[in-house]
C-alpha atoms as a PDB file:
ATOM      1  CA  MET A   1      10.382  35.218  -4.483  1.00  0.00           C
ATOM      2  CA  ALA A   2      13.585  33.501  -5.613  1.00  0.00           C
ATOM      3  CA  ASP A   3      15.642  31.712  -2.992  1.00  0.00           C
ATOM      4  CA  SER A   4      19.390  32.310  -3.320  1.00  0.00           C
ATOM      5  CA  ARG A   5      20.286  29.355  -1.072  1.00  0.00           C
ATOM      6  CA  ALA A   6      22.551  26.796  -2.690  1.00  0.00           C
ATOM      7  CA  VAL A   7      22.268  23.015  -2.785  1.00  0.00           C
ATOM      8  CA  PHE A   8      24.733  20.360  -3.948  1.00  0.00           C
ATOM      9  CA  ILE A   9      23.338  16.968  -4.970  1.00  0.00           C
ATOM     10  CA  THR A  10      25.151  13.831  -6.093  1.00  0.00           C
ATOM     11  CA  GLY A  11      23.745  11.424  -8.658  1.00  0.00           C
ATOM     12  CA  ALA A  12      21.956  14.303 -10.342  1.00  0.00           C
ATOM     13  CA  ALA A  13      21.808  12.727 -13.798  1.00  0.00           C
ATOM     14  CA  GLY A  14      19.538   9.829 -12.754  1.00  0.00           C
ATOM     15  CA  GLY A  15      15.807   9.576 -12.112  1.00  0.00           C
ATOM     16  CA  ILE A  16      15.413  10.842  -8.539  1.00  0.00           C
ATOM     17  CA  GLY A  17      18.412  13.158  -8.914  1.00  0.00           C
ATOM     18  CA  THR A  18      17.171  14.855 -12.079  1.00  0.00           C
ATOM     19  CA  ALA A  19      13.642  15.247 -10.718  1.00  0.00           C
ATOM     20  CA  THR A  20      15.016  16.709  -7.481  1.00  0.00           C
ATOM     21  CA  VAL A  21      17.176  19.208  -9.353  1.00  0.00           C
ATOM     22  CA  LYS A  22      14.175  20.408 -11.358  1.00  0.00           C
ATOM     23  CA  ALA A  23      11.942  20.606  -8.283  1.00  0.00           C
ATOM     24  CA  LEU A  24      14.494  22.659  -6.340  1.00  0.00           C
ATOM     25  CA  VAL A  25      15.090  25.016  -9.257  1.00  0.00           C
ATOM     26  CA  GLU A  26      11.326  25.583  -9.474  1.00  0.00           C
ATOM     27  CA  ARG A  27      11.453  26.543  -5.794  1.00  0.00           C
ATOM     28  CA  GLY A  28      14.163  29.119  -6.525  1.00  0.00           C
ATOM     29  CA  PHE A  29      17.257  27.295  -5.274  1.00  0.00           C
ATOM     30  CA  GLN A  30      20.662  27.485  -6.891  1.00  0.00           C
ATOM     31  CA  VAL A  31      21.564  23.855  -7.584  1.00  0.00           C
ATOM     32  CA  TYR A  32      25.037  22.451  -8.095  1.00  0.00           C
ATOM     33  CA  ALA A  33      24.368  19.128  -9.792  1.00  0.00           C
ATOM     34  CA  GLY A  34      26.974  16.432  -9.280  1.00  0.00           C
ATOM     35  CA  VAL A  35      27.271  14.278 -12.416  1.00  0.00           C
ATOM     36  CA  ARG A  36      29.607  11.868 -14.159  1.00  0.00           C
ATOM     37  CA  GLY A  37      30.065  12.805 -17.808  1.00  0.00           C
ATOM     38  CA  GLU A  38      27.635  14.825 -19.869  1.00  0.00           C
ATOM     39  CA  ALA A  39      24.149  15.705 -18.644  1.00  0.00           C
ATOM     40  CA  PRO A  40      22.687  18.171 -21.169  1.00  0.00           C
ATOM     41  CA  HIS A  41      19.155  17.535 -19.891  1.00  0.00           C
ATOM     42  CA  LEU A  42      20.093  19.314 -16.660  1.00  0.00           C
ATOM     43  CA  ARG A  43      21.428  22.504 -18.170  1.00  0.00           C
ATOM     44  CA  GLY A  44      19.350  25.578 -17.484  1.00  0.00           C
ATOM     45  CA  SER A  45      18.829  28.581 -15.269  1.00  0.00           C
ATOM     46  CA  ASN A  46      20.026  28.139 -11.669  1.00  0.00           C
ATOM     47  CA  VAL A  47      21.697  24.792 -12.423  1.00  0.00           C
ATOM     48  CA  GLU A  48      25.455  24.333 -12.599  1.00  0.00           C
ATOM     49  CA  LEU A  49      26.982  20.968 -13.427  1.00  0.00           C
ATOM     50  CA  VAL A  50      29.867  19.691 -11.309  1.00  0.00           C
ATOM     51  CA  GLN A  51      31.854  16.632 -12.326  1.00  0.00           C
ATOM     52  CA  VAL A  52      32.202  14.146  -9.485  1.00  0.00           C
ATOM     53  CA  ASP A  53      32.740  10.427  -8.970  1.00  0.00           C
ATOM     54  CA  VAL A  54      31.750   9.662  -5.390  1.00  0.00           C
ATOM     55  CA  THR A  55      33.935   6.526  -5.370  1.00  0.00           C
ATOM     56  CA  ASP A  56      37.065   8.597  -6.114  1.00  0.00           C
ATOM     57  CA  PRO A  57      38.287  10.673  -3.119  1.00  0.00           C
ATOM     58  CA  ASP A  58      40.312  12.981  -5.373  1.00  0.00           C
ATOM     59  CA  SER A  59      37.264  13.645  -7.540  1.00  0.00           C
ATOM     60  CA  VAL A  60      35.108  14.398  -4.486  1.00  0.00           C
ATOM     61  CA  ALA A  61      37.742  16.766  -3.048  1.00  0.00           C
ATOM     62  CA  ALA A  62      38.040  18.562  -6.389  1.00  0.00           C
ATOM     63  CA  ALA A  63      34.246  18.917  -6.620  1.00  0.00           C
ATOM     64  CA  ALA A  64      34.038  20.418  -3.124  1.00  0.00           C
ATOM     65  CA  LYS A  65      36.803  22.875  -3.978  1.00  0.00           C
ATOM     66  CA  GLU A  66      35.072  23.831  -7.230  1.00  0.00           C
ATOM     67  CA  VAL A  67      31.681  24.351  -5.582  1.00  0.00           C
ATOM     68  CA  GLY A  68      33.342  26.445  -2.873  1.00  0.00           C
ATOM     69  CA  ARG A  69      34.970  28.587  -5.562  1.00  0.00           C
ATOM     70  CA  ARG A  70      31.688  29.120  -7.365  1.00  0.00           C
ATOM     71  CA  LEU A  71      29.889  29.993  -4.139  1.00  0.00           C
ATOM     72  CA  GLY A  72      32.334  32.861  -3.649  1.00  0.00           C
ATOM     73  CA  GLY A  73      32.388  32.857   0.127  1.00  0.00           C
ATOM     74  CA  ARG A  74      28.851  31.606   0.673  1.00  0.00           C
ATOM     75  CA  GLY A  75      28.044  28.215   2.151  1.00  0.00           C
ATOM     76  CA  LEU A  76      25.633  25.454   1.242  1.00  0.00           C
ATOM     77  CA  HIS A  77      22.073  25.328   2.478  1.00  0.00           C
ATOM     78  CA  ALA A  78      21.942  21.586   1.811  1.00  0.00           C
ATOM     79  CA  LEU A  79      24.105  18.660   0.787  1.00  0.00           C
ATOM     80  CA  ILE A  80      22.001  15.872  -0.738  1.00  0.00           C
ATOM     81  CA  ASN A  81      23.737  12.494  -0.940  1.00  0.00           C
ATOM     82  CA  ASN A  82      21.605  10.881  -3.612  1.00  0.00           C
ATOM     83  CA  ALA A  83      24.027   8.804  -5.703  1.00  0.00           C
ATOM     84  CA  GLY A  84      23.362   5.104  -5.285  1.00  0.00           C
ATOM     85  CA  ILE A  85      23.195   1.746  -7.023  1.00  0.00           C
ATOM     86  CA  ILE A  86      21.267  -1.487  -6.492  1.00  0.00           C
ATOM     87  CA  VAL A  87      22.908  -4.909  -6.523  1.00  0.00           C
ATOM     88  CA  GLN A  88      20.385  -7.762  -6.642  1.00  0.00           C
ATOM     89  CA  GLY A  89      20.647 -11.505  -6.221  1.00  0.00           C
ATOM     90  CA  PRO A  90      21.034 -14.314  -3.682  1.00  0.00           C
ATOM     91  CA  LEU A  91      23.876 -13.627  -1.278  1.00  0.00           C
ATOM     92  CA  GLU A  92      25.529 -16.920  -2.190  1.00  0.00           C
ATOM     93  CA  LEU A  93      25.700 -15.854  -5.830  1.00  0.00           C
ATOM     94  CA  LEU A  94      26.904 -12.275  -5.347  1.00  0.00           C
ATOM     95  CA  SER A  95      30.578 -11.833  -6.111  1.00  0.00           C
ATOM     96  CA  PRO A  96      32.638  -9.961  -3.509  1.00  0.00           C
ATOM     97  CA  SER A  97      33.422  -7.335  -6.149  1.00  0.00           C
ATOM     98  CA  GLU A  98      29.709  -6.603  -6.670  1.00  0.00           C
ATOM     99  CA  VAL A  99      29.120  -6.257  -2.934  1.00  0.00           C
ATOM    100  CA  ARG A 100      32.136  -3.966  -2.630  1.00  0.00           C
ATOM    101  CA  LYS A 101      30.825  -1.842  -5.491  1.00  0.00           C
ATOM    102  CA  GLN A 102      27.511  -1.533  -3.644  1.00  0.00           C
ATOM    103  CA  PHE A 103      29.252  -0.264  -0.521  1.00  0.00           C
ATOM    104  CA  GLU A 104      31.708   1.956  -2.413  1.00  0.00           C
ATOM    105  CA  VAL A 105      28.845   4.003  -3.839  1.00  0.00           C
ATOM    106  CA  ASN A 106      26.135   3.764  -1.170  1.00  0.00           C
ATOM    107  CA  VAL A 107      28.311   4.029   1.937  1.00  0.00           C
ATOM    108  CA  PHE A 108      31.891   5.140   1.357  1.00  0.00           C
ATOM    109  CA  GLY A 109      30.776   7.595  -1.322  1.00  0.00           C
ATOM    110  CA  VAL A 110      28.478   9.259   1.208  1.00  0.00           C
ATOM    111  CA  VAL A 111      31.183   9.288   3.880  1.00  0.00           C
ATOM    112  CA  GLU A 112      33.702  10.868   1.505  1.00  0.00           C
ATOM    113  CA  THR A 113      31.259  13.444   0.127  1.00  0.00           C
ATOM    114  CA  THR A 114      30.024  14.419   3.575  1.00  0.00           C
ATOM    115  CA  ARG A 115      33.570  14.945   4.873  1.00  0.00           C
ATOM    116  CA  ALA A 116      34.569  17.008   1.837  1.00  0.00           C
ATOM    117  CA  PHE A 117      31.486  19.247   1.762  1.00  0.00           C
ATOM    118  CA  LEU A 118      30.955  19.626   5.501  1.00  0.00           C
ATOM    119  CA  PRO A 119      32.912  22.918   5.743  1.00  0.00           C
ATOM    120  CA  LEU A 120      30.565  24.437   3.129  1.00  0.00           C
ATOM    121  CA  VAL A 121      27.507  23.080   4.967  1.00  0.00           C
ATOM    122  CA  ARG A 122      28.798  24.475   8.256  1.00  0.00           C
ATOM    123  CA  LYS A 123      29.484  27.869   6.660  1.00  0.00           C
ATOM    124  CA  GLY A 124      25.953  27.983   5.242  1.00  0.00           C
ATOM    125  CA  GLN A 125      24.344  26.755   8.471  1.00  0.00           C
ATOM    126  CA  GLY A 126      22.880  24.058   6.270  1.00  0.00           C
ATOM    127  CA  ARG A 127      21.762  20.464   6.529  1.00  0.00           C
ATOM    128  CA  ILE A 128      22.765  17.048   5.166  1.00  0.00           C
ATOM    129  CA  ILE A 129      20.154  14.858   3.498  1.00  0.00           C
ATOM    130  CA  ASN A 130      20.959  11.214   2.818  1.00  0.00           C
ATOM    131  CA  LEU A 131      18.845   9.127   0.452  1.00  0.00           C
ATOM    132  CA  SER A 132      18.533   5.700   2.017  1.00  0.00           C
ATOM    133  CA  ALA A 133      15.962   2.965   1.319  1.00  0.00           C
ATOM    134  CA  ALA A 134      13.139   1.294   3.195  1.00  0.00           C
ATOM    135  CA  THR A 135      15.170  -1.934   3.076  1.00  0.00           C
ATOM    136  CA  ALA A 136      17.636  -0.387   5.530  1.00  0.00           C
ATOM    137  CA  ARG A 137      15.350  -1.280   8.437  1.00  0.00           C
ATOM    138  CA  THR A 138      13.611  -4.287   6.909  1.00  0.00           C
ATOM    139  CA  ALA A 139      16.146  -6.215   4.866  1.00  0.00           C
ATOM    140  CA  MET A 140      14.624  -7.885   1.831  1.00  0.00           C
ATOM    141  CA  PRO A 141      15.616 -11.316   0.518  1.00  0.00           C
ATOM    142  CA  TYR A 142      17.592 -11.146  -2.724  1.00  0.00           C
ATOM    143  CA  LEU A 143      18.234  -7.457  -2.009  1.00  0.00           C
ATOM    144  CA  GLY A 144      20.764  -8.228   0.705  1.00  0.00           C
ATOM    145  CA  ALA A 145      23.596  -6.073  -0.626  1.00  0.00           C
ATOM    146  CA  ILE A 146      21.591  -2.879  -0.893  1.00  0.00           C
ATOM    147  CA  SER A 147      19.793  -3.623   2.381  1.00  0.00           C
ATOM    148  CA  ALA A 148      23.133  -3.952   4.175  1.00  0.00           C
ATOM    149  CA  SER A 149      24.611  -0.869   2.527  1.00  0.00           C
ATOM    150  CA  LYS A 150      21.627   1.299   3.402  1.00  0.00           C
ATOM    151  CA  ALA A 151      21.640   0.004   6.984  1.00  0.00           C
ATOM    152  CA  ALA A 152      25.267   1.106   7.212  1.00  0.00           C
ATOM    153  CA  LEU A 153      24.345   4.473   5.701  1.00  0.00           C
ATOM    154  CA  GLU A 154      21.633   4.989   8.306  1.00  0.00           C
ATOM    155  CA  SER A 155      24.008   4.140  11.147  1.00  0.00           C
ATOM    156  CA  PHE A 156      26.495   6.661   9.770  1.00  0.00           C
ATOM    157  CA  SER A 157      23.720   9.252   9.438  1.00  0.00           C
ATOM    158  CA  SER A 158      22.471   8.715  12.989  1.00  0.00           C
ATOM    159  CA  VAL A 159      25.945   9.163  14.458  1.00  0.00           C
ATOM    160  CA  ALA A 160      26.603  12.221  12.285  1.00  0.00           C
ATOM    161  CA  ARG A 161      23.317  13.752  13.441  1.00  0.00           C
ATOM    162  CA  VAL A 162      24.445  13.632  17.074  1.00  0.00           C
ATOM    163  CA  GLU A 163      28.040  14.648  16.411  1.00  0.00           C
ATOM    164  CA  LEU A 164      27.043  17.658  14.281  1.00  0.00           C
ATOM    165  CA  ALA A 165      24.287  18.833  16.620  1.00  0.00           C
ATOM    166  CA  PRO A 166      26.586  21.375  18.371  1.00  0.00           C
ATOM    167  CA  TRP A 167      26.756  23.240  15.034  1.00  0.00           C
ATOM    168  CA  LYS A 168      22.995  22.867  14.538  1.00  0.00           C
ATOM    169  CA  ILE A 169      23.510  20.849  11.349  1.00  0.00           C
ATOM    170  CA  PRO A 170      20.523  18.521  10.853  1.00  0.00           C
ATOM    171  CA  VAL A 171      21.290  15.142   9.284  1.00  0.00           C
ATOM    172  CA  VAL A 172      18.205  13.769   7.578  1.00  0.00           C
ATOM    173  CA  ILE A 173      17.479  10.237   6.372  1.00  0.00           C
ATOM    174  CA  ILE A 174      14.941   9.724   3.587  1.00  0.00           C
ATOM    175  CA  GLU A 175      13.685   6.188   2.970  1.00  0.00           C
ATOM    176  CA  PRO A 176      12.003   5.711  -0.410  1.00  0.00           C
ATOM    177  CA  GLY A 177      10.321   2.457  -1.307  1.00  0.00           C
ATOM    178  CA  ALA A 178      10.325   1.138  -4.865  1.00  0.00           C
ATOM    179  CA  VAL A 179      10.436   4.078  -7.277  1.00  0.00           C
ATOM    180  CA  ASP A 180       9.542   4.173 -10.962  1.00  0.00           C
ATOM    181  CA  THR A 181      12.976   4.924 -12.434  1.00  0.00           C
ATOM    182  CA  THR A 182      15.325   3.158 -14.844  1.00  0.00           C
ATOM    183  CA  LEU A 183      17.506   2.151 -11.887  1.00  0.00           C
ATOM    184  CA  LEU A 184      15.270  -0.839 -11.131  1.00  0.00           C
ATOM    185  CA  SER A 185      15.379  -2.193 -14.682  1.00  0.00           C
ATOM    186  CA  LYS A 186      19.114  -1.566 -14.979  1.00  0.00           C
ATOM    187  CA  SER A 187      19.827  -3.380 -11.728  1.00  0.00           C
ATOM    188  CA  GLY A 188      17.645  -6.282 -12.828  1.00  0.00           C
ATOM    189  CA  ALA A 189      19.559  -6.583 -16.094  1.00  0.00           C
ATOM    190  CA  ALA A 190      22.858  -6.432 -14.208  1.00  0.00           C
ATOM    191  CA  ALA A 191      21.665  -9.167 -11.864  1.00  0.00           C
ATOM    192  CA  GLN A 192      20.867 -11.441 -14.814  1.00  0.00           C
ATOM    193  CA  ALA A 193      24.313 -10.793 -16.276  1.00  0.00           C
ATOM    194  CA  ASN A 194      25.945 -11.635 -12.943  1.00  0.00           C
ATOM    195  CA  LEU A 195      24.001 -14.902 -12.679  1.00  0.00           C
ATOM    196  CA  ALA A 196      25.174 -15.866 -16.164  1.00  0.00           C
ATOM    197  CA  SER A 197      28.767 -15.702 -14.962  1.00  0.00           C
ATOM    198  CA  GLU A 198      28.170 -17.875 -11.883  1.00  0.00           C
ATOM    199  CA  ASP A 199      28.426 -21.651 -11.506  1.00  0.00           C
ATOM    200  CA  PRO A 200      25.292 -22.965 -13.312  1.00  0.00           C
ATOM    201  CA  GLU A 201      24.784 -25.685 -10.716  1.00  0.00           C
ATOM    202  CA  ARG A 202      24.635 -23.147  -7.891  1.00  0.00           C
ATOM    203  CA  VAL A 203      22.337 -20.888  -9.911  1.00  0.00           C
ATOM    204  CA  THR A 204      19.991 -23.839 -10.492  1.00  0.00           C
ATOM    205  CA  LEU A 205      19.580 -24.238  -6.732  1.00  0.00           C
ATOM    206  CA  TYR A 206      17.820 -20.856  -6.637  1.00  0.00           C
ATOM    207  CA  ALA A 207      15.775 -21.248  -9.831  1.00  0.00           C
ATOM    208  CA  ASN A 208      12.394 -21.619  -8.111  1.00  0.00           C
ATOM    209  CA  GLN A 209      13.006 -18.801  -5.640  1.00  0.00           C
ATOM    210  CA  LEU A 210      14.218 -16.426  -8.351  1.00  0.00           C
ATOM    211  CA  GLU A 211      11.118 -17.150 -10.417  1.00  0.00           C
ATOM    212  CA  ALA A 212       8.892 -16.405  -7.424  1.00  0.00           C
ATOM    213  CA  ILE A 213      10.754 -13.165  -6.726  1.00  0.00           C
ATOM    214  CA  GLN A 214      10.398 -12.043 -10.339  1.00  0.00           C
ATOM    215  CA  LYS A 215       6.644 -12.687 -10.233  1.00  0.00           C
ATOM    216  CA  ALA A 216       6.310 -10.755  -6.978  1.00  0.00           C
ATOM    217  CA  MET A 217       8.293  -7.793  -8.317  1.00  0.00           C
ATOM    218  CA  ALA A 218       6.342  -7.800 -11.585  1.00  0.00           C
ATOM    219  CA  GLY A 219       3.161  -7.332  -9.580  1.00  0.00           C
ATOM    220  CA  GLN A 220       4.634  -4.449  -7.614  1.00  0.00           C
ATOM    221  CA  LYS A 221       3.611  -0.909  -8.494  1.00  0.00           C
ATOM    222  CA  PRO A 222       6.511   1.479  -7.864  1.00  0.00           C
ATOM    223  CA  SER A 223       5.786   4.980  -6.627  1.00  0.00           C
ATOM    224  CA  PRO A 224       6.123   7.913  -9.036  1.00  0.00           C
ATOM    225  CA  VAL A 225       9.387   9.813  -8.670  1.00  0.00           C
ATOM    226  CA  LYS A 226       7.438  12.864  -7.488  1.00  0.00           C
ATOM    227  CA  VAL A 227       6.535  11.030  -4.278  1.00  0.00           C
ATOM    228  CA  VAL A 228      10.240  11.068  -3.384  1.00  0.00           C
ATOM    229  CA  THR A 229      11.120  14.529  -4.680  1.00  0.00           C
ATOM    230  CA  ASP A 230       8.271  16.083  -2.702  1.00  0.00           C
ATOM    231  CA  VAL A 231       9.783  14.638   0.474  1.00  0.00           C
ATOM    232  CA  VAL A 232      13.291  15.785  -0.455  1.00  0.00           C
ATOM    233  CA  VAL A 233      12.055  19.320  -1.077  1.00  0.00           C
ATOM    234  CA  LYS A 234      10.237  19.253   2.262  1.00  0.00           C
ATOM    235  CA  ALA A 235      13.459  18.230   4.016  1.00  0.00           C
ATOM    236  CA  VAL A 236      15.397  20.976   2.214  1.00  0.00           C
ATOM    237  CA  GLU A 237      12.904  23.722   3.032  1.00  0.00           C
ATOM    238  CA  ALA A 238      11.813  22.800   6.558  1.00  0.00           C
ATOM    239  CA  ASN A 239      13.027  25.099   9.324  1.00  0.00           C
ATOM    240  CA  ARG A 240      13.445  22.064  11.542  1.00  0.00           C
ATOM    241  CA  PRO A 241      13.593  18.965   9.337  1.00  0.00           C
ATOM    242  CA  LYS A 242      12.737  15.601  10.868  1.00  0.00           C
ATOM    243  CA  PRO A 243      15.551  13.073  11.308  1.00  0.00           C
ATOM    244  CA  LEU A 244      13.676  10.480   9.227  1.00  0.00           C
ATOM    245  CA  TYR A 245      11.169  10.656   6.383  1.00  0.00           C
ATOM    246  CA  THR A 246       9.594   7.804   4.417  1.00  0.00           C
ATOM    247  CA  ALA A 247       8.416   8.143   0.822  1.00  0.00           C
ATOM    248  CA  GLY A 248       5.821   5.773  -0.603  1.00  0.00           C
ATOM    249  CA  SER A 249       3.246   3.413   0.871  1.00  0.00           C
ATOM    250  CA  ASP A 250       5.562   0.408   0.602  1.00  0.00           C
ATOM    251  CA  ALA A 251       8.236   2.302   2.527  1.00  0.00           C
ATOM    252  CA  ARG A 252       5.769   2.926   5.334  1.00  0.00           C
ATOM    253  CA  LEU A 253       4.814  -0.774   5.304  1.00  0.00           C
ATOM    254  CA  LEU A 254       8.452  -1.867   5.595  1.00  0.00           C
ATOM    255  CA  GLY A 255       8.891   0.629   8.420  1.00  0.00           C
ATOM    256  CA  PHE A 256       5.979  -1.051  10.215  1.00  0.00           C
ATOM    257  CA  LEU A 257       7.454  -4.509   9.603  1.00  0.00           C
ATOM    258  CA  SER A 258      10.742  -3.406  11.159  1.00  0.00           C
ATOM    259  CA  ARG A 259       8.982  -3.106  14.521  1.00  0.00           C
ATOM    260  CA  LEU A 260       7.654  -6.676  14.491  1.00  0.00           C
ATOM    261  CA  PRO A 261       9.385  -9.711  16.053  1.00  0.00           C
ATOM    262  CA  LEU A 262      11.937 -11.163  13.653  1.00  0.00           C
ATOM    263  CA  GLY A 263      10.133 -14.460  13.214  1.00  0.00           C
ATOM    264  CA  VAL A 264       6.842 -12.731  12.348  1.00  0.00           C
ATOM    265  CA  ARG A 265       8.625 -10.377   9.970  1.00  0.00           C
ATOM    266  CA  ASP A 266      10.384 -13.250   8.188  1.00  0.00           C
ATOM    267  CA  ARG A 267       7.123 -15.116   7.669  1.00  0.00           C
ATOM    268  CA  MET A 268       5.341 -12.040   6.339  1.00  0.00           C
ATOM    269  CA  LEU A 269       8.147 -11.282   3.885  1.00  0.00           C
ATOM    270  CA  THR A 270       8.336 -14.909   2.775  1.00  0.00           C
ATOM    271  CA  ASN A 271       4.591 -15.009   2.129  1.00  0.00           C
ATOM    272  CA  ALA A 272       4.475 -11.607   0.421  1.00  0.00           C
ATOM    273  CA  MET A 273       7.190 -12.612  -2.033  1.00  0.00           C
ATOM    274  CA  GLY A 274       5.690 -16.021  -2.766  1.00  0.00           C
ATOM    275  CA  LEU A 275       8.672 -17.867  -1.326  1.00  0.00           C
ATOM    276  CA  ASN A 276       6.433 -19.945   0.932  1.00  0.00           C
ATOM    277  CA  LYS A 277       5.000 -21.676  -2.145  1.00  0.00           C
ATOM    278  CA  VAL A 278       8.248 -22.916  -3.651  1.00  0.00           C
ATOM    279  CA  SER A 279      10.801 -25.560  -2.732  1.00  0.00           C
ATOM    280  CA  PRO A 280      14.539 -25.469  -3.371  1.00  0.00           C
ATOM    281  CA  ALA A 281      15.538 -26.888  -6.723  1.00  0.00           C
ATOM    282  CA  SER A 282      17.797 -29.903  -6.796  1.00  0.00           C
ATOM    283  CA  THR A 283      20.971 -30.218  -8.831  1.00  0.00           C
ATOM    284  CA  GLY A 284      20.743 -33.984  -8.703  1.00  0.00           C
ATOM    285  CA  THR A 285      24.083 -34.272  -6.914  1.00  0.00           C
ATOM    286  CA  THR A 286      24.771 -35.789  -3.527  1.00  0.00           C
ATOM    287  CA  ALA A 287      27.087 -34.052  -1.131  1.00  0.00           C
ATOM    288  CA  SER A 288      30.030 -36.103   0.056  1.00  0.00           C
ATOM    289  CA  ARG A 289      30.485 -36.797   3.751  1.00  0.00           C
END
């Protein structure tokens, strides 16, 4: 039997977003898919495209108003904050603008979207689902920007869960591990481009570590997108969704590591990524005293 409940999702044109839209439509939901630009691959029955840039408050407000108009007095069963980006690289070599971009999308975009769509969620007695990452609880070296942004997102989500409890609005965190989408390759290419614009001498300092990280990531087997979409659908359909879900075996492993003493965790991460086998490169310069 078709389900007339409505869902709005950001970042619908990308890997997890597109797969989630299709999975929800198959389950009978009416999906309002938040996109930037054209997304012809999403067009179809029970899918309506909504233009939105989560980093632009005016765009988010306009999208909420448009979805409210299309709902015609109904509310939302679920708001899914899925839009996100990954900024990679050593913290020393990340430009402030790249870190800000990471937070603009992954944190402030979620805050703005949640505030704008909350009246529709409240009207529909719905729930809010935030796509985080396993690195939120176990920060990964050379993924510091996304780790920090997702940690902030989870803090925001935890506070929102308590504050919205009087209206019985669940706020759900989903922590995927590495997922087989183009986002990983795109972020890797962007990281290489960023390094090319940095001071070569400072980049050289990290040459050995970056090589070790690349080898470790090359040996990693990301989870299929379906592993994540199955969890998202579960959170959308559950009568009483859990506050936190993990998606993927590596996400569960990072969740386990988060409960270990910091020193033990650091050693395990260092060994797993091959960083224990390399030494810092030398630029051949001597620091002045």
